[in-house]
Structures are given as C-alpha cells and as structure tokens.
PDB file of N, CA and C in Angstrom:
ATOM      1  N   MET A   1      19.542  20.243   7.689  1.00  0.00           N
ATOM      2  CA  MET A   1      19.855  19.597   8.951  1.00  0.00           C
ATOM      3  C   MET A   1      18.610  19.615   9.846  1.00  0.00           C
ATOM      4  N   ILE A   2      18.306  18.475  10.399  1.00  0.00           N
ATOM      5  CA  ILE A   2      17.162  18.370  11.304  1.00  0.00           C
ATOM      6  C   ILE A   2      17.687  18.396  12.730  1.00  0.00           C
ATOM      7  N   ASN A   3      17.244  19.396  13.489  1.00  0.00           N
ATOM      8  CA  ASN A   3      17.654  19.495  14.894  1.00  0.00           C
ATOM      9  C   ASN A   3      16.730  18.724  15.814  1.00  0.00           C
ATOM     10  N   SER A   4      15.462  18.686  15.445  1.00  0.00           N
ATOM     11  CA  SER A   4      14.480  18.017  16.275  1.00  0.00           C
ATOM     12  C   SER A   4      13.316  17.569  15.398  1.00  0.00           C
ATOM     13  N   SER A   5      12.816  16.409  15.662  1.00  0.00           N
ATOM     14  CA  SER A   5      11.679  15.882  14.921  1.00  0.00           C
ATOM     15  C   SER A   5      10.424  16.028  15.776  1.00  0.00           C
ATOM     16  N   PRO A   6       9.286  16.328  15.167  1.00  0.00           N
ATOM     17  CA  PRO A   6       8.065  16.433  15.958  1.00  0.00           C
ATOM     18  C   PRO A   6       7.531  15.080  16.420  1.00  0.00           C
ATOM     19  N   LEU A   7       8.102  13.992  15.885  1.00  0.00           N
ATOM     20  CA  LEU A   7       7.601  12.669  16.200  1.00  0.00           C
ATOM     21  C   LEU A   7       8.763  11.686  16.339  1.00  0.00           C
ATOM     22  N   PHE A   8       8.756  10.911  17.438  1.00  0.00           N
ATOM     23  CA  PHE A   8       9.730   9.824  17.618  1.00  0.00           C
ATOM     24  C   PHE A   8       9.089   8.540  17.108  1.00  0.00           C
ATOM     25  N   LEU A   9       9.826   7.783  16.345  1.00  0.00           N
ATOM     26  CA  LEU A   9       9.365   6.503  15.829  1.00  0.00           C
ATOM     27  C   LEU A   9      10.375   5.450  16.251  1.00  0.00           C
ATOM     28  N   THR A  10       9.905   4.404  16.927  1.00  0.00           N
ATOM     29  CA  THR A  10      10.781   3.298  17.294  1.00  0.00           C
ATOM     30  C   THR A  10      10.166   2.000  16.779  1.00  0.00           C
ATOM     31  N   ILE A  11      11.029   1.109  16.353  1.00  0.00           N
ATOM     32  CA  ILE A  11      10.575  -0.180  15.839  1.00  0.00           C
ATOM     33  C   ILE A  11      11.342  -1.283  16.556  1.00  0.00           C
ATOM     34  N   ASP A  12      10.600  -2.173  17.202  1.00  0.00           N
ATOM     35  CA  ASP A  12      11.182  -3.368  17.808  1.00  0.00           C
ATOM     36  C   ASP A  12      10.867  -4.524  16.877  1.00  0.00           C
ATOM     37  N   ALA A  13      11.911  -5.152  16.352  1.00  0.00           N
ATOM     38  CA  ALA A  13      11.699  -6.237  15.398  1.00  0.00           C
ATOM     39  C   ALA A  13      12.760  -7.315  15.589  1.00  0.00           C
ATOM     40  N   PHE A  14      12.764  -8.252  14.694  1.00  0.00           N
ATOM     41  CA  PHE A  14      13.669  -9.392  14.742  1.00  0.00           C
ATOM     42  C   PHE A  14      15.114  -8.985  14.481  1.00  0.00           C
ATOM     43  N   LYS A  15      16.031  -9.809  14.931  1.00  0.00           N
ATOM     44  CA  LYS A  15      17.447  -9.629  14.599  1.00  0.00           C
ATOM     45  C   LYS A  15      17.819 -10.556  13.443  1.00  0.00           C
ATOM     46  N   GLU A  16      17.215 -11.727  13.414  1.00  0.00           N
ATOM     47  CA  GLU A  16      17.442 -12.698  12.339  1.00  0.00           C
ATOM     48  C   GLU A  16      16.099 -13.346  12.010  1.00  0.00           C
ATOM     49  N   ILE A  17      15.940 -13.733  10.758  1.00  0.00           N
ATOM     50  CA  ILE A  17      14.706 -14.413  10.353  1.00  0.00           C
ATOM     51  C   ILE A  17      15.020 -15.359   9.201  1.00  0.00           C
ATOM     52  N   THR A  18      14.262 -16.434   9.136  1.00  0.00           N
ATOM     53  CA  THR A  18      14.400 -17.413   8.071  1.00  0.00           C
ATOM     54  C   THR A  18      13.256 -17.236   7.087  1.00  0.00           C
ATOM     55  N   SER A  19      13.504 -17.450   5.821  1.00  0.00           N
ATOM     56  CA  SER A  19      12.466 -17.344   4.791  1.00  0.00           C
ATOM     57  C   SER A  19      11.246 -18.175   5.175  1.00  0.00           C
ATOM     58  N   GLY A  20      10.071 -17.570   5.085  1.00  0.00           N
ATOM     59  CA  GLY A  20       8.822 -18.261   5.408  1.00  0.00           C
ATOM     60  C   GLY A  20       8.419 -18.163   6.866  1.00  0.00           C
ATOM     61  N   GLN A  21       9.285 -17.660   7.712  1.00  0.00           N
ATOM     62  CA  GLN A  21       9.006 -17.554   9.141  1.00  0.00           C
ATOM     63  C   GLN A  21       8.164 -16.314   9.419  1.00  0.00           C
ATOM     64  N   GLU A  22       7.110 -16.453  10.223  1.00  0.00           N
ATOM     65  CA  GLU A  22       6.327 -15.291  10.655  1.00  0.00           C
ATOM     66  C   GLU A  22       7.056 -14.598  11.793  1.00  0.00           C
ATOM     67  N   PHE A  23       6.834 -13.282  11.918  1.00  0.00           N
ATOM     68  CA  PHE A  23       7.468 -12.524  12.992  1.00  0.00           C
ATOM     69  C   PHE A  23       6.576 -11.364  13.387  1.00  0.00           C
ATOM     70  N   ASP A  24       6.815 -10.843  14.570  1.00  0.00           N
ATOM     71  CA  ASP A  24       6.094  -9.681  15.083  1.00  0.00           C
ATOM     72  C   ASP A  24       6.997  -8.464  15.063  1.00  0.00           C
ATOM     73  N   MET A  25       6.385  -7.315  14.850  1.00  0.00           N
ATOM     74  CA  MET A  25       7.079  -6.033  14.957  1.00  0.00           C
ATOM     75  C   MET A  25       6.223  -5.138  15.836  1.00  0.00           C
ATOM     76  N   LYS A  26       6.876  -4.320  16.632  1.00  0.00           N
ATOM     77  CA  LYS A  26       6.166  -3.347  17.452  1.00  0.00           C
ATOM     78  C   LYS A  26       6.667  -1.968  17.041  1.00  0.00           C
ATOM     79  N   ILE A  27       5.741  -1.125  16.598  1.00  0.00           N
ATOM     80  CA  ILE A  27       6.085   0.226  16.177  1.00  0.00           C
ATOM     81  C   ILE A  27       5.447   1.187  17.169  1.00  0.00           C
ATOM     82  N   SER A  28       6.262   2.086  17.705  1.00  0.00           N
ATOM     83  CA  SER A  28       5.770   3.070  18.680  1.00  0.00           C
ATOM     84  C   SER A  28       6.015   4.476  18.149  1.00  0.00           C
ATOM     85  N   LEU A  29       5.024   5.321  18.331  1.00  0.00           N
ATOM     86  CA  LEU A  29       5.125   6.733  17.972  1.00  0.00           C
ATOM     87  C   LEU A  29       4.947   7.558  19.233  1.00  0.00           C
ATOM     88  N   LYS A  30       5.723   8.630  19.365  1.00  0.00           N
ATOM     89  CA  LYS A  30       5.577   9.535  20.500  1.00  0.00           C
ATOM     90  C   LYS A  30       5.791  10.959  20.016  1.00  0.00           C
ATOM     91  N   SER A  31       4.886  11.831  20.446  1.00  0.00           N
ATOM     92  CA  SER A  31       4.986  13.231  20.058  1.00  0.00           C
ATOM     93  C   SER A  31       6.123  13.917  20.793  1.00  0.00           C
ATOM     94  N   ASN A  32       6.890  14.697  20.052  1.00  0.00           N
ATOM     95  CA  ASN A  32       7.954  15.517  20.611  1.00  0.00           C
ATOM     96  C   ASN A  32       7.605  16.996  20.381  1.00  0.00           C
ATOM     97  N   SER A  33       6.333  17.256  20.189  1.00  0.00           N
ATOM     98  CA  SER A  33       5.865  18.589  19.839  1.00  0.00           C
ATOM     99  C   SER A  33       5.116  19.218  21.006  1.00  0.00           C
ATOM    100  N   ALA A  34       5.153  20.537  21.075  1.00  0.00           N
ATOM    101  CA  ALA A  34       4.376  21.259  22.084  1.00  0.00           C
ATOM    102  C   ALA A  34       2.931  21.415  21.634  1.00  0.00           C
ATOM    103  N   ASP A  35       2.658  21.090  20.372  1.00  0.00           N
ATOM    104  CA  ASP A  35       1.313  21.203  19.813  1.00  0.00           C
ATOM    105  C   ASP A  35       0.764  19.818  19.491  1.00  0.00           C
ATOM    106  N   ILE A  36      -0.543  19.749  19.316  1.00  0.00           N
ATOM    107  CA  ILE A  36      -1.162  18.506  18.877  1.00  0.00           C
ATOM    108  C   ILE A  36      -0.716  18.218  17.448  1.00  0.00           C
ATOM    109  N   LEU A  37      -0.273  17.005  17.199  1.00  0.00           N
ATOM    110  CA  LEU A  37       0.054  16.593  15.834  1.00  0.00           C
ATOM    111  C   LEU A  37      -1.234  16.068  15.206  1.00  0.00           C
ATOM    112  N   LYS A  38      -1.710  16.728  14.186  1.00  0.00           N
ATOM    113  CA  LYS A  38      -3.011  16.422  13.581  1.00  0.00           C
ATOM    114  C   LYS A  38      -2.880  15.439  12.428  1.00  0.00           C
ATOM    115  N   ASN A  39      -3.846  14.553  12.356  1.00  0.00           N
ATOM    116  CA  ASN A  39      -3.994  13.642  11.216  1.00  0.00           C
ATOM    117  C   ASN A  39      -2.716  12.877  10.864  1.00  0.00           C
ATOM    118  N   VAL A  40      -2.088  12.277  11.854  1.00  0.00           N
ATOM    119  CA  VAL A  40      -0.846  11.532  11.626  1.00  0.00           C
ATOM    120  C   VAL A  40      -1.145  10.260  10.830  1.00  0.00           C
ATOM    121  N   ILE A  41      -0.349  10.044   9.813  1.00  0.00           N
ATOM    122  CA  ILE A  41      -0.432   8.849   8.971  1.00  0.00           C
ATOM    123  C   ILE A  41       0.927   8.142   9.035  1.00  0.00           C
ATOM    124  N   LEU A  42       0.913   6.829   9.203  1.00  0.00           N
ATOM    125  CA  LEU A  42       2.141   6.029   9.185  1.00  0.00           C
ATOM    126  C   LEU A  42       2.107   5.168   7.930  1.00  0.00           C
ATOM    127  N   LYS A  43       3.143   5.269   7.111  1.00  0.00           N
ATOM    128  CA  LYS A  43       3.208   4.485   5.879  1.00  0.00           C
ATOM    129  C   LYS A  43       4.508   3.695   5.878  1.00  0.00           C
ATOM    130  N   GLY A  44       4.397   2.424   5.634  1.00  0.00           N
ATOM    131  CA  GLY A  44       5.562   1.554   5.575  1.00  0.00           C
ATOM    132  C   GLY A  44       5.822   1.097   4.156  1.00  0.00           C
ATOM    133  N   SER A  45       6.958   0.490   3.966  1.00  0.00           N
ATOM    134  CA  SER A  45       7.247  -0.187   2.703  1.00  0.00           C
ATOM    135  C   SER A  45       7.866  -1.529   3.057  1.00  0.00           C
ATOM    136  N   TYR A  46       7.527  -2.525   2.294  1.00  0.00           N
ATOM    137  CA  TYR A  46       7.943  -3.877   2.604  1.00  0.00           C
ATOM    138  C   TYR A  46       8.999  -4.364   1.615  1.00  0.00           C
ATOM    139  N   PRO A  47       9.902  -5.201   2.073  1.00  0.00           N
ATOM    140  CA  PRO A  47      10.910  -5.767   1.162  1.00  0.00           C
ATOM    141  C   PRO A  47      10.282  -6.816   0.243  1.00  0.00           C
ATOM    142  N   PHE A  48      10.982  -7.148  -0.815  1.00  0.00           N
ATOM    143  CA  PHE A  48      10.540  -8.174  -1.756  1.00  0.00           C
ATOM    144  C   PHE A  48      10.245  -9.471  -1.008  1.00  0.00           C
ATOM    145  N   GLY A  49       9.120 -10.062  -1.301  1.00  0.00           N
ATOM    146  CA  GLY A  49       8.762 -11.342  -0.710  1.00  0.00           C
ATOM    147  C   GLY A  49       7.997 -11.241   0.593  1.00  0.00           C
ATOM    148  N   PHE A  50       7.868 -10.039   1.156  1.00  0.00           N
ATOM    149  CA  PHE A  50       7.157  -9.855   2.413  1.00  0.00           C
ATOM    150  C   PHE A  50       5.664  -9.995   2.182  1.00  0.00           C
ATOM    151  N   THR A  51       4.970 -10.677   3.093  1.00  0.00           N
ATOM    152  CA  THR A  51       3.518 -10.803   3.041  1.00  0.00           C
ATOM    153  C   THR A  51       2.937 -10.283   4.342  1.00  0.00           C
ATOM    154  N   PHE A  52       2.126  -9.240   4.260  1.00  0.00           N
ATOM    155  CA  PHE A  52       1.450  -8.689   5.435  1.00  0.00           C
ATOM    156  C   PHE A  52       0.405  -9.685   5.904  1.00  0.00           C
ATOM    157  N   VAL A  53       0.356  -9.943   7.234  1.00  0.00           N
ATOM    158  CA  VAL A  53      -0.615 -10.881   7.788  1.00  0.00           C
ATOM    159  C   VAL A  53      -1.673 -10.152   8.609  1.00  0.00           C
ATOM    160  N   SER A  54      -1.254  -9.369   9.612  1.00  0.00           N
ATOM    161  CA  SER A  54      -2.244  -8.699  10.458  1.00  0.00           C
ATOM    162  C   SER A  54      -1.593  -7.570  11.246  1.00  0.00           C
ATOM    163  N   SER A  55      -2.449  -6.769  11.850  1.00  0.00           N
ATOM    164  CA  SER A  55      -2.002  -5.652  12.673  1.00  0.00           C
ATOM    165  C   SER A  55      -3.036  -5.411  13.760  1.00  0.00           C
ATOM    166  N   SER A  56      -2.585  -4.969  14.947  1.00  0.00           N
ATOM    167  CA  SER A  56      -3.527  -4.677  16.023  1.00  0.00           C
ATOM    168  C   SER A  56      -4.327  -3.405  15.724  1.00  0.00           C
ATOM    169  N   ILE A  57      -3.795  -2.552  14.850  1.00  0.00           N
ATOM    170  CA  ILE A  57      -4.523  -1.384  14.356  1.00  0.00           C
ATOM    171  C   ILE A  57      -4.814  -1.652  12.886  1.00  0.00           C
ATOM    172  N   LYS A  58      -6.061  -1.540  12.494  1.00  0.00           N
ATOM    173  CA  LYS A  58      -6.439  -1.864  11.119  1.00  0.00           C
ATOM    174  C   LYS A  58      -5.798  -0.878  10.139  1.00  0.00           C
ATOM    175  N   PRO A  59      -5.043  -1.412   9.166  1.00  0.00           N
ATOM    176  CA  PRO A  59      -4.454  -0.538   8.151  1.00  0.00           C
ATOM    177  C   PRO A  59      -5.508  -0.145   7.112  1.00  0.00           C
ATOM    178  N   LEU A  60      -5.160   0.845   6.299  1.00  0.00           N
ATOM    179  CA  LEU A  60      -6.018   1.197   5.179  1.00  0.00           C
ATOM    180  C   LEU A  60      -5.962   0.060   4.159  1.00  0.00           C
ATOM    181  N   SER A  61      -6.675   0.164   3.089  1.00  0.00           N
ATOM    182  CA  SER A  61      -6.841  -0.943   2.151  1.00  0.00           C
ATOM    183  C   SER A  61      -5.539  -1.445   1.522  1.00  0.00           C
ATOM    184  N   ASP A  62      -4.483  -0.635   1.530  1.00  0.00           N
ATOM    185  CA  ASP A  62      -3.221  -1.079   0.926  1.00  0.00           C
ATOM    186  C   ASP A  62      -2.363  -1.922   1.871  1.00  0.00           C
ATOM    187  N   ASN A  63      -2.781  -2.083   3.125  1.00  0.00           N
ATOM    188  CA  ASN A  63      -2.030  -2.821   4.156  1.00  0.00           C
ATOM    189  C   ASN A  63      -0.629  -2.267   4.383  1.00  0.00           C
ATOM    190  N   MET A  64      -0.412  -1.022   4.000  1.00  0.00           N
ATOM    191  CA  MET A  64       0.885  -0.372   4.198  1.00  0.00           C
ATOM    192  C   MET A  64       0.733   0.988   4.878  1.00  0.00           C
ATOM    193  N   THR A  65      -0.501   1.418   5.088  1.00  0.00           N
ATOM    194  CA  THR A  65      -0.764   2.758   5.600  1.00  0.00           C
ATOM    195  C   THR A  65      -1.748   2.673   6.759  1.00  0.00           C
ATOM    196  N   TRP A  66      -1.409   3.359   7.848  1.00  0.00           N
ATOM    197  CA  TRP A  66      -2.263   3.397   9.015  1.00  0.00           C
ATOM    198  C   TRP A  66      -2.613   4.843   9.346  1.00  0.00           C
ATOM    199  N   LYS A  67      -3.891   5.102   9.570  1.00  0.00           N
ATOM    200  CA  LYS A  67      -4.312   6.427  10.007  1.00  0.00           C
ATOM    201  C   LYS A  67      -4.274   6.431  11.528  1.00  0.00           C
ATOM    202  N   ILE A  68      -3.312   7.154  12.080  1.00  0.00           N
ATOM    203  CA  ILE A  68      -3.125   7.209  13.528  1.00  0.00           C
ATOM    204  C   ILE A  68      -4.037   8.263  14.149  1.00  0.00           C
ATOM    205  N   GLY A  69      -4.226   9.371  13.439  1.00  0.00           N
ATOM    206  CA  GLY A  69      -5.071  10.449  13.951  1.00  0.00           C
ATOM    207  C   GLY A  69      -4.259  11.486  14.674  1.00  0.00           C
ATOM    208  N   ASP A  70      -4.875  12.161  15.632  1.00  0.00           N
ATOM    209  CA  ASP A  70      -4.209  13.222  16.384  1.00  0.00           C
ATOM    210  C   ASP A  70      -3.405  12.645  17.548  1.00  0.00           C
ATOM    211  N   ILE A  71      -2.232  13.216  17.768  1.00  0.00           N
ATOM    212  CA  ILE A  71      -1.392  12.799  18.903  1.00  0.00           C
ATOM    213  C   ILE A  71      -1.141  14.047  19.758  1.00  0.00           C
ATOM    214  N   PRO A  72      -1.544  14.018  21.032  1.00  0.00           N
ATOM    215  CA  PRO A  72      -1.332  15.184  21.887  1.00  0.00           C
ATOM    216  C   PRO A  72       0.134  15.343  22.250  1.00  0.00           C
ATOM    217  N   PRO A  73       0.531  16.526  22.741  1.00  0.00           N
ATOM    218  CA  PRO A  73       1.916  16.730  23.160  1.00  0.00           C
ATOM    219  C   PRO A  73       2.344  15.631  24.162  1.00  0.00           C
ATOM    220  N   GLY A  74       3.468  14.991  23.894  1.00  0.00           N
ATOM    221  CA  GLY A  74       3.961  13.941  24.773  1.00  0.00           C
ATOM    222  C   GLY A  74       3.217  12.621  24.653  1.00  0.00           C
ATOM    223  N   GLY A  75       2.185  12.578  23.827  1.00  0.00           N
ATOM    224  CA  GLY A  75       1.338  11.370  23.689  1.00  0.00           C
ATOM    225  C   GLY A  75       1.930  10.353  22.763  1.00  0.00           C
TER     226      GLY A  75
END
C-alpha cells in the first residue's frame, strides 16, 4: 500500500481524438518530498500507431524518456 508518493504526476490531454489528428499533452511533475529528488527520469509508453512529433524538453534518443534532473522540495 502506498500512503504517499514522493512525486505528483499530472497529465492534461485530449478527451477524444480522431486517427491521424495531432494533439498536445501537458505533463507536470511536482515534488512531494522533504528532500531533493535526484536524477529524476520520466519514461512514457505509447499506444499502437502513435507517432512522437516533438517536445518542449528534448527527450533521449528513444523519444520516450526524458531526463528531468533534480527536483527540489515542492519544486
């Protein structure tokens, strides 16, 4: 049982989408820890047929992994 997570993750995305339609997603991370969270990595997985186009933060070479780095308490 998880009582508390050291990191909050929220995703704002589409409610409906049509095949071939481009869309935006906003992913937010927030520390819930009293300590600095070191070397945070965010890894996603995409559904069949999904094509990654771009990101405001450059992903690693697999276009599914982002190195976020350190997140301070409450950051």
